[in-house]
Amino acid sequence: MNQKLFLILFLFLIFSCNSDDNSEPEMLSLSESLLGKWNMTNYYDDSFFIQEQEGRIEKIVLEETNYGIEFTDNPKKINLSGFLRYSVDEYEINDGEKLITKSGGTNFMDAEHGEGYHTGEWKIEDGMLICSDVSSQEGIVYSTISSIELSGDNLKLTLDNSQFGSHLSGEIIIEYQKE
């Protein structure tokens, strides 16, 4: 009788331990995964002005950049911080190749003045990040749409430049790491 009781108790312990091991971690939604502060690690903008047949490449100057964004919930707002410094090169297409015609030094975006592509209110729709804000200069509402690649603590947002006008092509790639 003692052996049967011991066997039943032993099997009970094994099965109860097993059920804990099989529990899967709760998966966060994309919106929940974005919440928090993110520090910029890369900025690359390749804009081609179709009518002028010339382009412009902007690249992050990492050692002079401390730009960040914060996704908040309730309300869904984006807070900006820091400063982005980027180099500027102009190019033309010659025989299908980009030919740099001018290295134009550097320029910047300053979060203190609300400068950035991802500002204002945000939402996720069909797997895309949509940000809406009001232009401080014109007072009109505008939106930006970005594709999202999220891998652990790394976030890559890609914007198609044509959303800023039919005279543009190319894309903007901005990468962040979660704080």
C-alpha atoms as a PDB file:
ATOM      1  CA  MET A   1       0.000   0.000   0.000  1.00  0.00           C
ATOM      2  CA  ASN A   2       2.843   2.384   0.853  1.00  0.00           C
ATOM      3  CA  GLN A   3       4.441   1.700  -2.513  1.00  0.00           C
ATOM      4  CA  LYS A   4       1.242   2.578  -4.393  1.00  0.00           C
ATOM      5  CA  LEU A   5       0.844   5.801  -2.408  1.00  0.00           C
ATOM      6  CA  PHE A   6       4.478   6.682  -3.013  1.00  0.00           C
ATOM      7  CA  LEU A   7       4.097   5.954  -6.762  1.00  0.00           C
ATOM      8  CA  ILE A   8       0.956   8.111  -7.017  1.00  0.00           C
ATOM      9  CA  LEU A   9       2.650  10.968  -5.157  1.00  0.00           C
ATOM     10  CA  PHE A  10       5.751  10.645  -7.337  1.00  0.00           C
ATOM     11  CA  LEU A  11       3.712  10.728 -10.591  1.00  0.00           C
ATOM     12  CA  PHE A  12       1.723  13.713  -9.318  1.00  0.00           C
ATOM     13  CA  LEU A  13       4.957  15.646  -8.688  1.00  0.00           C
ATOM     14  CA  ILE A  14       6.338  14.819 -12.134  1.00  0.00           C
ATOM     15  CA  PHE A  15       3.184  15.923 -13.952  1.00  0.00           C
ATOM     16  CA  SER A  16       2.810  19.111 -11.943  1.00  0.00           C
ATOM     17  CA  CYS A  17       6.437  20.071 -12.671  1.00  0.00           C
ATOM     18  CA  ASN A  18       5.949  19.242 -16.340  1.00  0.00           C
ATOM     19  CA  SER A  19       2.947  21.522 -16.714  1.00  0.00           C
ATOM     20  CA  ASP A  20       4.976  24.508 -15.455  1.00  0.00           C
ATOM     21  CA  ASP A  21       7.749  23.803 -17.982  1.00  0.00           C
ATOM     22  CA  ASN A  22       5.309  23.799 -20.890  1.00  0.00           C
ATOM     23  CA  SER A  23       3.920  27.268 -20.205  1.00  0.00           C
ATOM     24  CA  GLU A  24       4.890  29.677 -22.976  1.00  0.00           C
ATOM     25  CA  PRO A  25       5.831  33.302 -22.327  1.00  0.00           C
ATOM     26  CA  GLU A  26       3.098  35.785 -23.135  1.00  0.00           C
ATOM     27  CA  MET A  27       3.664  37.400 -26.553  1.00  0.00           C
ATOM     28  CA  LEU A  28       3.345  41.173 -26.646  1.00  0.00           C
ATOM     29  CA  SER A  29       1.499  42.904 -29.457  1.00  0.00           C
ATOM     30  CA  LEU A  30       3.535  45.133 -31.782  1.00  0.00           C
ATOM     31  CA  SER A  31       2.075  48.229 -30.073  1.00  0.00           C
ATOM     32  CA  GLU A  32       3.071  46.923 -26.636  1.00  0.00           C
ATOM     33  CA  SER A  33       6.561  46.021 -27.872  1.00  0.00           C
ATOM     34  CA  LEU A  34       7.169  49.587 -29.093  1.00  0.00           C
ATOM     35  CA  LEU A  35       6.372  51.204 -25.745  1.00  0.00           C
ATOM     36  CA  GLY A  36       9.366  52.811 -24.071  1.00  0.00           C
ATOM     37  CA  LYS A  37      12.485  54.758 -25.011  1.00  0.00           C
ATOM     38  CA  TRP A  38      14.574  54.044 -28.110  1.00  0.00           C
ATOM     39  CA  ASN A  39      18.008  55.493 -28.992  1.00  0.00           C
ATOM     40  CA  MET A  40      18.910  56.135 -32.636  1.00  0.00           C
ATOM     41  CA  THR A  41      21.718  53.958 -33.994  1.00  0.00           C
ATOM     42  CA  ASN A  42      21.390  54.687 -37.739  1.00  0.00           C
ATOM     43  CA  TYR A  43      19.867  57.274 -40.055  1.00  0.00           C
ATOM     44  CA  TYR A  44      20.111  56.966 -43.847  1.00  0.00           C
ATOM     45  CA  ASP A  45      18.076  58.974 -46.358  1.00  0.00           C
ATOM     46  CA  ASP A  46      18.458  58.469 -50.109  1.00  0.00           C
ATOM     47  CA  SER A  47      16.099  60.980 -51.731  1.00  0.00           C
ATOM     48  CA  PHE A  48      15.966  61.321 -55.509  1.00  0.00           C
ATOM     49  CA  PHE A  49      14.319  64.421 -56.954  1.00  0.00           C
ATOM     50  CA  ILE A  50      12.756  63.076 -60.152  1.00  0.00           C
ATOM     51  CA  GLN A  51      12.248  66.378 -61.993  1.00  0.00           C
ATOM     52  CA  GLU A  52      15.756  67.672 -61.264  1.00  0.00           C
ATOM     53  CA  GLN A  53      17.314  64.235 -61.913  1.00  0.00           C
ATOM     54  CA  GLU A  54      19.502  64.574 -58.851  1.00  0.00           C
ATOM     55  CA  GLY A  55      19.643  62.931 -55.482  1.00  0.00           C
ATOM     56  CA  ARG A  56      20.698  63.554 -51.929  1.00  0.00           C
ATOM     57  CA  ILE A  57      22.130  61.093 -49.422  1.00  0.00           C
ATOM     58  CA  GLU A  58      22.026  61.866 -45.717  1.00  0.00           C
ATOM     59  CA  LYS A  59      23.918  59.663 -43.224  1.00  0.00           C
ATOM     60  CA  ILE A  60      24.118  59.770 -39.442  1.00  0.00           C
ATOM     61  CA  VAL A  61      27.221  61.231 -37.813  1.00  0.00           C
ATOM     62  CA  LEU A  62      27.019  58.802 -34.909  1.00  0.00           C
ATOM     63  CA  GLU A  63      29.560  60.447 -32.597  1.00  0.00           C
ATOM     64  CA  GLU A  64      27.545  63.710 -32.698  1.00  0.00           C
ATOM     65  CA  THR A  65      24.096  62.120 -32.343  1.00  0.00           C
ATOM     66  CA  ASN A  66      22.078  61.360 -29.192  1.00  0.00           C
ATOM     67  CA  TYR A  67      18.607  61.411 -30.744  1.00  0.00           C
ATOM     68  CA  GLY A  68      15.846  59.279 -29.260  1.00  0.00           C
ATOM     69  CA  ILE A  69      12.117  58.653 -29.345  1.00  0.00           C
ATOM     70  CA  GLU A  70       9.727  57.398 -26.705  1.00  0.00           C
ATOM     71  CA  PHE A  71       6.471  55.640 -27.509  1.00  0.00           C
ATOM     72  CA  THR A  72       3.885  56.264 -24.781  1.00  0.00           C
ATOM     73  CA  ASP A  73       0.468  54.719 -24.267  1.00  0.00           C
ATOM     74  CA  ASN A  74      -2.732  56.418 -23.132  1.00  0.00           C
ATOM     75  CA  PRO A  75      -2.347  58.720 -24.959  1.00  0.00           C
ATOM     76  CA  LYS A  76      -0.350  57.172 -27.784  1.00  0.00           C
ATOM     77  CA  LYS A  77       2.210  59.958 -28.271  1.00  0.00           C
ATOM     78  CA  ILE A  78       5.824  60.077 -29.376  1.00  0.00           C
ATOM     79  CA  ASN A  79       8.227  62.146 -27.285  1.00  0.00           C
ATOM     80  CA  LEU A  80      11.505  63.232 -28.860  1.00  0.00           C
ATOM     81  CA  SER A  81      14.864  63.855 -27.218  1.00  0.00           C
ATOM     82  CA  GLY A  82      18.350  64.843 -28.270  1.00  0.00           C
ATOM     83  CA  PHE A  83      20.011  65.833 -31.468  1.00  0.00           C
ATOM     84  CA  LEU A  84      20.703  64.146 -34.838  1.00  0.00           C
ATOM     85  CA  ARG A  85      23.712  65.282 -36.871  1.00  0.00           C
ATOM     86  CA  TYR A  86      23.932  63.934 -40.438  1.00  0.00           C
ATOM     87  CA  SER A  87      26.261  64.360 -43.406  1.00  0.00           C
ATOM     88  CA  VAL A  88      24.864  65.430 -46.783  1.00  0.00           C
ATOM     89  CA  ASP A  89      26.071  64.383 -50.252  1.00  0.00           C
ATOM     90  CA  GLU A  90      24.412  65.274 -53.556  1.00  0.00           C
ATOM     91  CA  TYR A  91      24.525  62.963 -56.564  1.00  0.00           C
ATOM     92  CA  GLU A  92      23.472  62.469 -60.159  1.00  0.00           C
ATOM     93  CA  ILE A  93      22.804  59.194 -61.940  1.00  0.00           C
ATOM     94  CA  ASN A  94      25.389  58.568 -64.678  1.00  0.00           C
ATOM     95  CA  ASP A  95      25.184  55.288 -66.663  1.00  0.00           C
ATOM     96  CA  GLY A  96      23.021  53.793 -63.904  1.00  0.00           C
ATOM     97  CA  GLU A  97      25.556  54.642 -61.172  1.00  0.00           C
ATOM     98  CA  LYS A  98      25.329  57.279 -58.447  1.00  0.00           C
ATOM     99  CA  LEU A  99      28.000  59.919 -59.001  1.00  0.00           C
ATOM    100  CA  ILE A 100      28.616  62.214 -55.999  1.00  0.00           C
ATOM    101  CA  THR A 101      28.648  65.776 -57.320  1.00  0.00           C
ATOM    102  CA  LYS A 102      28.907  67.646 -54.043  1.00  0.00           C
ATOM    103  CA  SER A 103      29.665  66.858 -50.425  1.00  0.00           C
ATOM    104  CA  GLY A 104      27.602  69.405 -48.592  1.00  0.00           C
ATOM    105  CA  GLY A 105      28.865  69.148 -45.026  1.00  0.00           C
ATOM    106  CA  THR A 106      26.401  68.380 -42.251  1.00  0.00           C
ATOM    107  CA  ASN A 107      22.936  69.327 -41.083  1.00  0.00           C
ATOM    108  CA  PHE A 108      20.816  68.387 -38.057  1.00  0.00           C
ATOM    109  CA  MET A 109      17.428  67.609 -36.536  1.00  0.00           C
ATOM    110  CA  ASP A 110      16.773  68.973 -33.055  1.00  0.00           C
ATOM    111  CA  ALA A 111      14.202  67.169 -30.913  1.00  0.00           C
ATOM    112  CA  GLU A 112      13.795  70.288 -28.768  1.00  0.00           C
ATOM    113  CA  HIS A 113      12.128  71.919 -31.790  1.00  0.00           C
ATOM    114  CA  GLY A 114       9.996  68.846 -32.583  1.00  0.00           C
ATOM    115  CA  GLU A 115      12.091  67.907 -35.613  1.00  0.00           C
ATOM    116  CA  GLY A 116      11.824  64.325 -36.809  1.00  0.00           C
ATOM    117  CA  TYR A 117       9.842  61.963 -39.008  1.00  0.00           C
ATOM    118  CA  HIS A 118       8.077  60.239 -36.139  1.00  0.00           C
ATOM    119  CA  THR A 119       6.244  62.827 -34.047  1.00  0.00           C
ATOM    120  CA  GLY A 120       2.831  63.385 -32.519  1.00  0.00           C
ATOM    121  CA  GLU A 121       0.257  60.621 -32.131  1.00  0.00           C
ATOM    122  CA  TRP A 122       0.978  57.088 -33.284  1.00  0.00           C
ATOM    123  CA  LYS A 123      -0.877  53.890 -34.136  1.00  0.00           C
ATOM    124  CA  ILE A 124      -0.208  50.536 -35.746  1.00  0.00           C
ATOM    125  CA  GLU A 125      -2.371  49.716 -38.750  1.00  0.00           C
ATOM    126  CA  ASP A 126      -1.801  46.669 -40.987  1.00  0.00           C
ATOM    127  CA  GLY A 127       1.656  46.256 -39.451  1.00  0.00           C
ATOM    128  CA  MET A 128       2.678  49.827 -40.349  1.00  0.00           C
ATOM    129  CA  LEU A 129       3.520  52.704 -37.996  1.00  0.00           C
ATOM    130  CA  ILE A 130       1.375  55.764 -38.707  1.00  0.00           C
ATOM    131  CA  CYS A 131       2.303  59.038 -37.018  1.00  0.00           C
ATOM    132  CA  SER A 132       0.067  62.120 -37.171  1.00  0.00           C
ATOM    133  CA  ASP A 133       1.039  65.605 -36.087  1.00  0.00           C
ATOM    134  CA  VAL A 134       0.239  69.251 -36.768  1.00  0.00           C
ATOM    135  CA  SER A 135       2.780  71.355 -38.638  1.00  0.00           C
ATOM    136  CA  SER A 136       3.899  74.239 -36.447  1.00  0.00           C
ATOM    137  CA  GLN A 137       4.505  76.393 -39.539  1.00  0.00           C
ATOM    138  CA  GLU A 138       1.342  75.740 -41.570  1.00  0.00           C
ATOM    139  CA  GLY A 139      -0.975  74.472 -38.833  1.00  0.00           C
ATOM    140  CA  ILE A 140      -2.110  71.527 -40.976  1.00  0.00           C
ATOM    141  CA  VAL A 141      -2.265  67.867 -39.955  1.00  0.00           C
ATOM    142  CA  TYR A 142       0.158  65.544 -41.715  1.00  0.00           C
ATOM    143  CA  SER A 143       0.950  61.847 -41.378  1.00  0.00           C
ATOM    144  CA  THR A 144       3.955  59.648 -42.025  1.00  0.00           C
ATOM    145  CA  ILE A 145       3.818  55.929 -42.690  1.00  0.00           C
ATOM    146  CA  SER A 146       6.719  53.605 -41.890  1.00  0.00           C
ATOM    147  CA  SER A 147       7.256  49.914 -42.291  1.00  0.00           C
ATOM    148  CA  ILE A 148       8.430  48.258 -39.079  1.00  0.00           C
ATOM    149  CA  GLU A 149      11.046  45.592 -38.477  1.00  0.00           C
ATOM    150  CA  LEU A 150      11.340  44.667 -34.806  1.00  0.00           C
ATOM    151  CA  SER A 151      13.902  42.137 -33.645  1.00  0.00           C
ATOM    152  CA  GLY A 152      14.378  41.961 -29.887  1.00  0.00           C
ATOM    153  CA  ASP A 153      15.626  45.383 -28.788  1.00  0.00           C
ATOM    154  CA  ASN A 154      16.322  46.582 -32.348  1.00  0.00           C
ATOM    155  CA  LEU A 155      13.803  48.636 -34.314  1.00  0.00           C
ATOM    156  CA  LYS A 156      14.065  49.571 -37.994  1.00  0.00           C
ATOM    157  CA  LEU A 157      11.606  52.072 -39.460  1.00  0.00           C
ATOM    158  CA  THR A 158      11.575  52.603 -43.246  1.00  0.00           C
ATOM    159  CA  LEU A 159       9.752  55.451 -44.952  1.00  0.00           C
ATOM    160  CA  ASP A 160       9.071  55.608 -48.691  1.00  0.00           C
ATOM    161  CA  ASN A 161      10.002  59.136 -49.819  1.00  0.00           C
ATOM    162  CA  SER A 162       7.161  59.237 -52.366  1.00  0.00           C
ATOM    163  CA  GLN A 163       4.743  59.852 -49.456  1.00  0.00           C
ATOM    164  CA  PHE A 164       6.259  63.355 -49.242  1.00  0.00           C
ATOM    165  CA  GLY A 165       5.458  64.156 -52.873  1.00  0.00           C
ATOM    166  CA  SER A 166       5.316  62.581 -56.323  1.00  0.00           C
ATOM    167  CA  HIS A 167       8.536  64.422 -57.195  1.00  0.00           C
ATOM    168  CA  LEU A 168      10.497  62.142 -54.796  1.00  0.00           C
ATOM    169  CA  SER A 169      11.662  58.551 -54.774  1.00  0.00           C
ATOM    170  CA  GLY A 170      13.977  56.585 -52.504  1.00  0.00           C
ATOM    171  CA  GLU A 171      13.673  55.717 -48.846  1.00  0.00           C
ATOM    172  CA  ILE A 172      14.626  56.778 -45.362  1.00  0.00           C
ATOM    173  CA  ILE A 173      15.894  54.130 -42.949  1.00  0.00           C
ATOM    174  CA  ILE A 174      16.017  54.916 -39.236  1.00  0.00           C
ATOM    175  CA  GLU A 175      17.211  52.360 -36.705  1.00  0.00           C
ATOM    176  CA  TYR A 176      16.883  52.414 -32.921  1.00  0.00           C
ATOM    177  CA  GLN A 177      17.897  50.308 -29.962  1.00  0.00           C
ATOM    178  CA  LYS A 178      15.647  50.021 -26.918  1.00  0.00           C
ATOM    179  CA  GLU A 179      16.944  51.749 -23.823  1.00  0.00           C
END
